[in-house]
N, C-alpha and C. Protein backbone atom coordinates (compact mmCIF):
# COMPACT_ATOMS: atom_id res chain seq x y z
N MET A 1 0.79 -1.06 -0.38
CA MET A 1 -0.20 -0.09 0.26
C MET A 1 1.00 1.33 -0.11
N SER A 2 0.42 2.10 -1.05
CA SER A 2 1.27 3.29 -1.12
C SER A 2 1.34 4.19 0.05
N VAL A 3 2.05 4.85 0.74
CA VAL A 3 1.47 6.07 1.36
C VAL A 3 1.28 7.51 0.99
N VAL A 4 1.60 7.14 -0.59
CA VAL A 4 1.99 8.67 -1.20
C VAL A 4 0.24 9.10 -1.86
N ARG A 5 -0.04 9.61 -1.92
CA ARG A 5 -1.70 9.71 -2.05
C ARG A 5 -1.26 9.47 -3.83
N ASP A 6 -2.27 9.16 -4.29
CA ASP A 6 -2.43 9.43 -5.74
C ASP A 6 -2.57 11.02 -6.89
N ASN A 7 -1.39 11.11 -7.76
CA ASN A 7 -1.35 11.93 -8.56
C ASN A 7 -0.44 13.05 -7.46
N ALA A 8 -0.17 12.83 -7.06
CA ALA A 8 0.81 14.08 -6.20
C ALA A 8 1.03 14.63 -6.75
N GLU A 9 1.53 16.04 -7.07
CA GLU A 9 2.14 16.72 -8.11
C GLU A 9 2.62 17.98 -7.42
N PRO A 10 3.63 17.89 -6.70
CA PRO A 10 3.61 19.50 -6.33
C PRO A 10 4.37 20.78 -6.89
N LEU A 11 4.04 21.82 -5.86
CA LEU A 11 4.00 23.35 -6.33
C LEU A 11 5.57 23.85 -6.59
N ALA A 12 5.72 24.21 -7.92
CA ALA A 12 7.31 24.47 -8.36
C ALA A 12 7.63 26.12 -7.82
N ILE A 13 8.87 26.72 -7.29
CA ILE A 13 8.82 28.19 -6.99
C ILE A 13 10.29 28.37 -6.99
N VAL A 14 10.25 29.05 -8.47
CA VAL A 14 11.92 29.37 -8.43
C VAL A 14 12.23 30.74 -7.98
N PHE A 15 12.83 30.79 -6.51
CA PHE A 15 13.27 31.76 -5.47
C PHE A 15 14.43 32.95 -6.98
N GLU A 16 14.73 33.98 -6.82
CA GLU A 16 15.55 34.29 -6.95
C GLU A 16 16.62 34.80 -5.99
N ASP A 17 18.09 35.28 -6.67
CA ASP A 17 19.11 35.13 -5.38
C ASP A 17 18.88 36.86 -4.95
N ASP A 18 19.25 36.40 -3.75
CA ASP A 18 18.77 38.18 -3.62
C ASP A 18 20.37 38.98 -2.98
N GLY A 19 21.39 38.05 -3.24
CA GLY A 19 22.31 39.01 -2.61
C GLY A 19 23.19 38.33 -1.63
N LEU A 20 21.79 38.02 -0.42
CA LEU A 20 22.80 37.26 0.92
C LEU A 20 22.30 35.40 0.87
N VAL A 21 20.59 35.40 0.19
CA VAL A 21 20.77 33.87 -0.18
C VAL A 21 20.79 33.97 -1.28
N PRO A 22 21.76 32.63 -2.00
CA PRO A 22 21.46 32.85 -3.26
C PRO A 22 20.46 31.65 -3.79
N ASN A 23 19.89 31.14 -3.08
CA ASN A 23 18.24 30.25 -3.67
C ASN A 23 19.42 29.00 -4.81
N ASN A 24 18.52 29.03 -5.97
CA ASN A 24 19.03 28.02 -6.78
C ASN A 24 18.18 28.37 -8.23
N ILE A 25 18.55 28.06 -9.18
CA ILE A 25 17.71 28.12 -10.57
C ILE A 25 17.39 26.97 -10.93
N LEU A 26 17.15 25.67 -9.62
CA LEU A 26 16.23 24.93 -9.45
C LEU A 26 15.17 25.36 -8.56
N PRO A 27 13.61 24.26 -9.19
CA PRO A 27 12.63 25.06 -8.24
C PRO A 27 12.85 24.51 -6.91
N PHE A 28 12.17 25.48 -5.90
CA PHE A 28 11.67 24.56 -4.91
C PHE A 28 11.01 24.40 -4.80
N LEU A 29 10.34 22.71 -4.28
CA LEU A 29 8.76 21.71 -4.38
C LEU A 29 8.73 21.87 -3.75
N VAL A 30 7.01 22.07 -3.22
CA VAL A 30 6.37 21.32 -1.99
C VAL A 30 5.60 20.33 -2.24
N TYR A 31 5.07 19.73 -1.93
CA TYR A 31 4.27 18.47 -2.52
C TYR A 31 2.95 18.99 -1.12
N GLN A 32 2.08 19.48 -1.43
CA GLN A 32 1.02 19.11 -0.21
C GLN A 32 0.12 18.39 -0.04
N GLY A 33 0.15 17.58 1.66
CA GLY A 33 -1.24 16.88 1.82
C GLY A 33 -0.89 15.32 0.80
N ALA A 34 0.71 15.24 0.68
CA ALA A 34 0.90 14.25 -0.38
C ALA A 34 0.80 12.87 0.23
N VAL A 35 1.79 13.04 1.65
CA VAL A 35 1.69 11.07 2.47
C VAL A 35 0.59 11.43 3.75
N LYS A 36 0.16 9.73 3.46
CA LYS A 36 -0.93 9.41 4.07
C LYS A 36 -0.66 8.92 5.17
N LEU A 37 -0.34 9.73 6.53
CA LEU A 37 0.82 9.74 7.71
C LEU A 37 0.37 8.34 8.32
N ASP A 38 0.66 7.64 8.93
CA ASP A 38 0.22 6.02 10.46
C ASP A 38 -0.12 7.17 11.20
N PRO A 39 -1.14 7.87 11.84
CA PRO A 39 -1.30 8.51 12.92
C PRO A 39 -0.49 7.84 14.41
N LYS A 40 -0.35 6.80 14.47
CA LYS A 40 0.55 6.29 15.49
C LYS A 40 1.99 6.41 15.40
N HIS A 41 2.40 6.27 14.15
CA HIS A 41 3.77 6.70 13.79
C HIS A 41 4.09 7.28 12.20
N PRO A 42 3.90 8.86 12.76
CA PRO A 42 4.08 9.44 11.37
C PRO A 42 5.47 10.04 11.58
N GLU A 43 6.10 10.28 12.71
CA GLU A 43 7.83 10.17 11.95
C GLU A 43 8.23 9.35 10.88
N GLU A 44 8.04 7.67 11.19
CA GLU A 44 8.42 6.22 10.42
C GLU A 44 8.10 6.30 9.08
N THR A 45 6.56 7.08 8.74
CA THR A 45 5.76 6.86 7.66
C THR A 45 6.90 7.93 6.85
N ASN A 46 7.56 9.14 6.97
CA ASN A 46 8.45 9.84 6.30
C ASN A 46 9.73 9.37 6.12
N GLU A 47 10.29 8.68 7.36
CA GLU A 47 11.50 8.17 7.86
C GLU A 47 11.80 7.16 6.45
N ASP A 48 10.93 6.16 6.75
CA ASP A 48 10.39 5.20 5.82
C ASP A 48 10.64 5.54 3.93
N LEU A 49 9.60 6.31 3.80
CA LEU A 49 9.36 6.99 2.75
C LEU A 49 10.90 7.43 1.80
N PHE A 50 11.44 8.01 2.90
CA PHE A 50 12.41 8.76 2.15
C PHE A 50 13.31 7.83 1.88
N GLU A 51 13.43 7.29 2.99
CA GLU A 51 15.02 5.91 2.52
C GLU A 51 14.41 4.64 1.61
N ARG A 52 13.36 4.29 1.16
CA ARG A 52 12.74 3.68 0.49
C ARG A 52 13.16 4.62 -0.47
N ASN A 53 13.45 6.00 -1.20
CA ASN A 53 13.24 6.39 -1.98
C ASN A 53 14.70 7.21 -2.80
N GLY A 54 16.16 6.51 -1.46
CA GLY A 54 17.44 7.11 -1.62
C GLY A 54 18.15 8.12 -0.76
N TRP A 55 17.44 9.01 -0.18
CA TRP A 55 17.50 9.88 0.72
C TRP A 55 17.83 9.36 2.70
N GLY A 56 19.02 10.22 2.58
CA GLY A 56 18.95 8.95 3.95
C GLY A 56 19.45 10.26 4.79
N GLY A 57 20.38 9.89 6.00
CA GLY A 57 20.90 10.91 7.06
C GLY A 57 19.78 11.29 7.55
N THR A 58 18.12 10.98 8.38
CA THR A 58 17.41 11.29 8.63
C THR A 58 17.32 11.85 10.10
N TRP A 59 16.82 12.90 10.34
CA TRP A 59 16.78 13.42 11.29
C TRP A 59 15.36 14.21 11.40
N ARG A 60 14.92 14.20 13.15
CA ARG A 60 13.67 14.68 13.74
C ARG A 60 13.77 15.74 14.64
N ASN A 61 13.22 17.24 13.85
CA ASN A 61 13.39 17.86 14.54
C ASN A 61 12.52 18.99 13.92
N GLY A 62 12.61 20.33 14.27
CA GLY A 62 11.81 21.33 13.65
C GLY A 62 12.53 21.66 12.99
N VAL A 63 12.48 23.17 12.34
CA VAL A 63 13.25 24.67 11.34
C VAL A 63 13.28 25.81 12.20
N TYR A 64 14.73 26.15 11.84
CA TYR A 64 15.23 27.00 12.75
C TYR A 64 14.91 27.92 12.71
N GLY A 65 14.72 28.70 13.52
CA GLY A 65 13.87 29.98 13.62
C GLY A 65 14.83 31.29 13.01
N TYR A 66 16.27 31.03 12.79
CA TYR A 66 16.74 31.96 11.75
C TYR A 66 17.37 31.35 10.47
N LEU A 67 17.43 32.67 9.74
CA LEU A 67 17.52 32.63 8.37
C LEU A 67 19.13 31.50 8.00
N HIS A 68 18.83 30.39 7.34
CA HIS A 68 20.05 29.59 7.08
C HIS A 68 19.74 28.72 5.89
N TYR A 69 21.04 28.13 4.74
CA TYR A 69 20.64 27.23 4.31
C TYR A 69 21.62 26.50 4.09
N HIS A 70 21.46 25.33 2.90
CA HIS A 70 22.72 24.45 2.75
C HIS A 70 23.04 24.85 1.32
N ALA A 71 24.60 24.88 1.08
CA ALA A 71 25.29 25.23 0.17
C ALA A 71 25.83 24.06 -0.54
N THR A 72 25.84 22.56 0.02
CA THR A 72 26.60 21.49 -0.39
C THR A 72 25.75 20.50 -0.42
N VAL A 73 24.35 21.07 -0.74
CA VAL A 73 23.51 19.21 -0.57
C VAL A 73 21.46 19.79 -0.54
N HIS A 74 21.42 19.22 -1.38
CA HIS A 74 19.62 19.57 -0.92
C HIS A 74 19.01 18.35 0.09
N GLU A 75 17.78 19.24 0.24
CA GLU A 75 17.63 18.48 1.59
C GLU A 75 15.55 18.80 1.29
N VAL A 76 15.29 17.44 2.21
CA VAL A 76 14.09 17.44 1.89
C VAL A 76 13.27 17.49 3.13
N LEU A 77 12.51 17.69 3.67
CA LEU A 77 11.57 18.58 4.94
C LEU A 77 10.40 17.48 4.77
N GLY A 78 9.92 16.47 5.36
CA GLY A 78 8.60 15.53 5.55
C GLY A 78 8.36 16.09 6.62
N VAL A 79 6.84 16.92 7.06
CA VAL A 79 6.27 17.20 8.40
C VAL A 79 5.38 16.28 8.75
N ALA A 80 5.30 15.72 9.67
CA ALA A 80 4.89 14.53 10.47
C ALA A 80 4.07 15.31 11.52
N ARG A 81 4.02 15.87 12.09
CA ARG A 81 3.33 16.54 13.67
C ARG A 81 2.91 17.92 12.69
N GLY A 82 1.79 18.72 13.57
CA GLY A 82 1.81 20.14 13.65
C GLY A 82 1.79 20.80 12.20
N SER A 83 1.93 21.97 12.70
CA SER A 83 2.59 23.38 11.27
C SER A 83 3.09 24.11 11.94
N ALA A 84 3.46 24.53 10.73
CA ALA A 84 4.75 25.97 11.18
C ALA A 84 4.19 26.82 9.93
N SER A 85 4.56 27.93 9.44
CA SER A 85 4.87 29.42 9.09
C SER A 85 6.34 28.94 8.79
N VAL A 86 7.04 28.96 7.59
CA VAL A 86 8.41 28.96 7.15
C VAL A 86 8.71 30.26 5.86
N ARG A 87 9.33 30.92 6.34
CA ARG A 87 9.70 31.70 5.01
C ARG A 87 11.28 31.35 4.11
N PHE A 88 10.39 30.43 2.99
CA PHE A 88 11.94 29.79 1.75
C PHE A 88 12.15 30.96 0.64
N GLY A 89 12.83 30.97 0.79
CA GLY A 89 13.89 32.26 -0.15
C GLY A 89 14.65 32.93 0.24
N GLY A 90 14.63 32.95 1.48
CA GLY A 90 15.21 34.21 2.13
C GLY A 90 14.10 35.14 2.51
N ASP A 91 14.58 36.70 3.00
CA ASP A 91 14.18 37.72 2.89
C ASP A 91 13.12 38.23 2.31
N HIS A 92 13.31 37.88 0.89
CA HIS A 92 12.58 38.13 -0.09
C HIS A 92 12.23 37.44 -1.01
N GLY A 93 11.47 36.16 0.15
CA GLY A 93 11.06 34.48 -0.69
C GLY A 93 9.39 34.42 -0.41
N GLN A 94 9.44 33.51 0.39
CA GLN A 94 7.81 33.49 -0.21
C GLN A 94 7.68 32.64 1.76
N GLU A 95 6.28 33.08 2.43
CA GLU A 95 5.94 32.59 3.35
C GLU A 95 5.03 31.87 3.39
N LEU A 96 5.23 30.35 3.83
CA LEU A 96 3.92 29.31 3.42
C LEU A 96 4.16 28.85 4.63
N GLN A 97 2.56 28.12 4.54
CA GLN A 97 2.47 27.44 5.65
C GLN A 97 2.45 26.16 5.64
N ILE A 98 3.17 24.60 6.41
CA ILE A 98 2.84 23.72 6.12
C ILE A 98 2.52 22.80 7.13
N LYS A 99 2.12 22.00 7.08
CA LYS A 99 1.73 21.15 7.97
C LYS A 99 1.44 19.43 7.71
N ALA A 100 1.42 18.85 8.89
CA ALA A 100 1.74 17.59 8.45
C ALA A 100 1.59 17.05 7.53
N GLY A 101 2.23 16.01 6.74
CA GLY A 101 1.58 15.51 5.58
C GLY A 101 2.04 16.16 4.13
N ASP A 102 2.91 17.27 4.52
CA ASP A 102 3.62 18.47 3.67
C ASP A 102 4.58 17.70 3.63
N VAL A 103 5.15 17.92 2.14
CA VAL A 103 6.56 17.52 2.25
C VAL A 103 7.68 18.53 1.23
N ALA A 104 8.70 19.64 1.69
CA ALA A 104 9.56 20.64 0.94
C ALA A 104 10.43 20.00 0.35
N ILE A 105 11.12 20.35 -0.81
CA ILE A 105 12.07 19.71 -1.19
C ILE A 105 12.78 20.95 -1.40
N LEU A 106 14.32 21.01 -0.94
CA LEU A 106 14.74 22.63 -1.37
C LEU A 106 16.11 22.08 -1.60
N PRO A 107 16.11 22.77 -3.35
CA PRO A 107 17.24 22.50 -3.82
C PRO A 107 18.61 23.01 -3.04
N ALA A 108 19.49 22.83 -3.31
CA ALA A 108 21.00 23.59 -2.44
C ALA A 108 20.94 25.20 -2.24
N GLY A 109 21.24 25.91 -1.47
CA GLY A 109 21.49 27.15 -1.30
C GLY A 109 19.93 27.75 -1.64
N THR A 110 18.79 27.20 -1.32
CA THR A 110 17.37 27.86 -0.79
C THR A 110 17.22 28.61 0.72
N GLY A 111 17.15 29.72 1.01
CA GLY A 111 17.05 29.73 2.63
C GLY A 111 15.87 29.34 3.22
N HIS A 112 15.77 28.95 4.35
CA HIS A 112 14.71 29.14 4.93
C HIS A 112 14.58 29.41 6.72
N GLN A 113 13.65 29.35 6.91
CA GLN A 113 13.23 30.46 7.93
C GLN A 113 12.13 29.35 8.96
N ARG A 114 12.19 29.83 10.34
CA ARG A 114 10.62 29.21 10.73
C ARG A 114 9.96 30.76 11.24
N ILE A 115 8.99 30.90 11.35
CA ILE A 115 8.55 32.39 11.86
C ILE A 115 7.31 31.52 12.96
N GLN A 116 6.73 30.72 12.95
CA GLN A 116 6.48 30.54 14.06
C GLN A 116 6.34 28.40 13.54
N ALA A 117 5.57 28.40 14.58
CA ALA A 117 5.14 26.50 14.06
C ALA A 117 4.63 26.29 15.48
N SER A 118 3.67 25.52 16.11
CA SER A 118 2.50 25.03 16.58
C SER A 118 3.27 24.41 17.62
N ASP A 119 3.14 23.94 18.44
CA ASP A 119 3.59 23.23 20.15
C ASP A 119 3.94 21.74 19.57
N ASP A 120 3.22 20.76 18.66
CA ASP A 120 3.44 19.63 18.53
C ASP A 120 4.36 19.52 16.88
N PHE A 121 4.90 20.81 16.31
CA PHE A 121 6.01 20.52 14.80
C PHE A 121 6.80 19.53 15.37
N CYS A 122 6.78 19.13 14.21
CA CYS A 122 8.28 17.83 14.11
C CYS A 122 7.97 17.89 12.44
N VAL A 123 9.80 18.35 11.92
CA VAL A 123 9.88 17.36 10.31
C VAL A 123 10.75 16.02 10.77
N ILE A 124 10.61 16.09 9.52
CA ILE A 124 11.66 14.91 9.52
C ILE A 124 12.79 15.17 7.64
N GLY A 125 14.03 15.67 8.46
CA GLY A 125 14.71 16.05 7.09
C GLY A 125 15.50 14.89 6.54
N ALA A 126 16.11 14.44 5.80
CA ALA A 126 17.06 13.68 5.13
C ALA A 126 17.83 14.63 3.75
N TYR A 127 18.35 13.50 3.21
CA TYR A 127 19.12 14.08 2.30
C TYR A 127 19.90 13.14 1.26
N PRO A 128 20.21 13.32 -0.46
CA PRO A 128 20.44 12.61 -1.14
C PRO A 128 21.78 11.87 -0.70
N PRO A 129 22.20 10.70 -0.90
CA PRO A 129 23.10 10.14 -0.66
C PRO A 129 24.59 11.06 -1.80
N GLY A 130 25.87 11.07 -0.65
CA GLY A 130 26.67 11.23 -1.58
C GLY A 130 27.93 12.96 -0.68
N SER A 131 26.45 13.40 -0.03
CA SER A 131 27.10 14.75 0.06
C SER A 131 27.21 14.92 1.78
N ARG A 132 27.41 15.93 1.99
CA ARG A 132 27.43 16.43 3.50
C ARG A 132 26.43 17.48 3.99
N MET A 133 25.62 17.53 4.84
CA MET A 133 25.01 18.72 5.34
C MET A 133 26.16 19.77 5.83
N GLU A 134 25.57 20.93 5.61
CA GLU A 134 26.44 22.25 6.53
C GLU A 134 25.39 23.43 6.58
N ILE A 135 25.59 23.96 7.95
CA ILE A 135 24.51 24.99 8.06
C ILE A 135 25.44 26.05 7.69
N THR A 136 24.53 26.92 6.70
CA THR A 136 25.14 28.07 6.42
C THR A 136 24.22 29.51 6.64
N ARG A 137 24.77 30.83 7.07
CA ARG A 137 24.13 31.57 7.10
C ARG A 137 24.39 32.75 6.00
N ALA A 138 22.89 33.51 6.51
CA ALA A 138 23.14 34.54 5.10
C ALA A 138 23.99 35.96 5.37
N THR A 139 25.64 35.68 4.54
CA THR A 139 26.54 36.86 5.15
C THR A 139 26.83 36.87 4.10
N PRO A 140 27.53 38.05 3.38
CA PRO A 140 28.34 37.74 1.59
C PRO A 140 29.31 37.42 1.77
N ASP A 141 29.89 36.91 2.27
CA ASP A 141 30.88 36.16 2.31
C ASP A 141 30.62 34.46 1.81
N ASN A 142 29.62 34.15 3.09
CA ASN A 142 29.22 32.84 2.68
C ASN A 142 28.56 32.65 1.15
N HIS A 143 28.05 33.71 0.99
CA HIS A 143 27.08 33.65 -0.34
C HIS A 143 28.19 34.05 -1.40
N ALA A 144 28.69 34.70 -1.50
CA ALA A 144 30.38 34.01 -2.65
C ALA A 144 30.56 32.98 -2.36
N LYS A 145 30.70 32.22 -1.48
CA LYS A 145 31.78 30.78 -1.56
C LYS A 145 30.61 29.80 -1.95
N ALA A 146 29.31 30.21 -1.46
CA ALA A 146 28.09 29.34 -2.23
C ALA A 146 27.75 28.96 -3.29
N LEU A 147 28.21 30.66 -4.29
CA LEU A 147 28.09 30.40 -5.57
C LEU A 147 28.64 29.18 -6.16
N LYS A 148 29.65 29.41 -5.45
CA LYS A 148 31.00 28.17 -6.28
C LYS A 148 30.49 26.78 -5.92
N THR A 149 29.80 26.08 -4.68
CA THR A 149 29.69 24.82 -4.30
C THR A 149 28.07 24.42 -4.98
N ILE A 150 27.27 25.58 -4.47
CA ILE A 150 25.95 25.03 -5.67
C ILE A 150 25.72 24.65 -6.74
N PRO A 151 26.48 25.02 -7.98
CA PRO A 151 26.57 24.35 -8.63
C PRO A 151 26.80 23.24 -9.26
N GLN A 152 28.05 22.71 -8.04
CA GLN A 152 28.49 21.25 -7.84
C GLN A 152 27.90 20.00 -7.36
N VAL A 153 26.57 20.54 -6.68
CA VAL A 153 25.74 19.55 -5.91
C VAL A 153 25.32 18.77 -6.99
N ALA A 154 25.12 17.41 -6.89
CA ALA A 154 24.68 16.26 -7.81
C ALA A 154 23.30 16.28 -7.30
N LEU A 155 22.57 16.03 -8.47
CA LEU A 155 21.32 15.97 -8.83
C LEU A 155 21.05 14.49 -8.28
N PRO A 156 19.89 14.53 -7.61
CA PRO A 156 19.49 13.12 -6.54
C PRO A 156 19.01 11.92 -6.99
N PRO A 157 18.98 11.00 -7.09
CA PRO A 157 18.65 9.88 -7.66
C PRO A 157 17.35 9.61 -7.69
N ALA A 158 16.43 10.33 -6.97
CA ALA A 158 14.70 10.14 -7.19
C ALA A 158 14.88 11.45 -5.91
N ASP A 159 13.02 10.90 -6.79
CA ASP A 159 12.65 11.95 -5.66
C ASP A 159 12.02 11.31 -4.71
N PRO A 160 12.14 12.04 -3.58
CA PRO A 160 12.25 11.92 -2.04
C PRO A 160 10.42 11.07 -1.68
N VAL A 161 9.85 11.93 -2.71
CA VAL A 161 8.46 11.36 -2.01
C VAL A 161 8.03 10.18 -3.27
N THR A 162 8.12 10.47 -4.76
CA THR A 162 7.30 9.47 -5.79
C THR A 162 8.79 8.64 -6.42
N GLY A 163 9.91 8.80 -6.10
CA GLY A 163 10.35 7.91 -6.17
C GLY A 163 11.39 8.48 -7.80
N LYS A 164 11.93 7.34 -8.73
CA LYS A 164 12.85 7.21 -9.75
C LYS A 164 12.06 7.73 -10.50
N ASP A 165 10.59 8.47 -11.25
CA ASP A 165 9.74 8.34 -12.03
C ASP A 165 9.15 9.58 -11.90
N GLY A 166 9.68 10.24 -10.30
CA GLY A 166 8.85 11.22 -9.99
C GLY A 166 9.30 12.71 -10.26
N ALA A 167 8.22 14.06 -9.46
CA ALA A 167 8.37 15.07 -10.76
C ALA A 167 9.66 15.85 -10.33
N LEU A 168 10.68 15.75 -9.02
CA LEU A 168 11.63 16.37 -9.13
C LEU A 168 12.98 15.85 -10.19
N MET A 169 12.65 14.83 -10.96
CA MET A 169 12.70 13.96 -11.90
C MET A 169 13.20 14.54 -13.25
N ARG A 170 11.78 15.24 -12.86
CA ARG A 170 11.16 15.98 -13.95
C ARG A 170 11.73 17.46 -14.30
N LEU A 171 11.60 18.46 -13.47
CA LEU A 171 11.71 19.40 -12.38
C LEU A 171 12.91 19.92 -12.63
N TRP A 172 13.63 18.77 -12.18
CA TRP A 172 15.21 19.80 -11.95
C TRP A 172 16.31 19.26 -13.39
N ARG A 173 16.05 18.47 -14.14
CA ARG A 173 16.62 18.70 -15.55
C ARG A 173 16.76 19.43 -16.35
């Protein structure tokens, strides 16, 4: 039985480089209500789904309340519990409400910051194979370095939600 809703298709948004947050020419993707979470074990639902699709290094937490990005790796955030308002794309980006069952896929360089969250908010994060996650703050020096590392980040082998034939494979080529 699939935990992904039929015909799950993400919203795709391209965020511009704002001079501090590089973002990426690849679109940020958000699947809204795509994952049918096990009510008793919602964290495991996301962890198992991501790992099945080749995304590992999973962790459970929230989203930091300060603006940051990852210049060396793509990241997936699957909401297991609660909801939050997260600004993606940096200070000039877009604030989105994300809730249990939603999955956000951030290409390397995509700024993100929690604006507010419910008390029970929990996300599962994961990464494609072969990359090391580093937290980067939005500074002019970091921006200059990120412009060199971001283009070298390999494309993932599969969409973390819909697999090898998923939307990411089509939208990130």
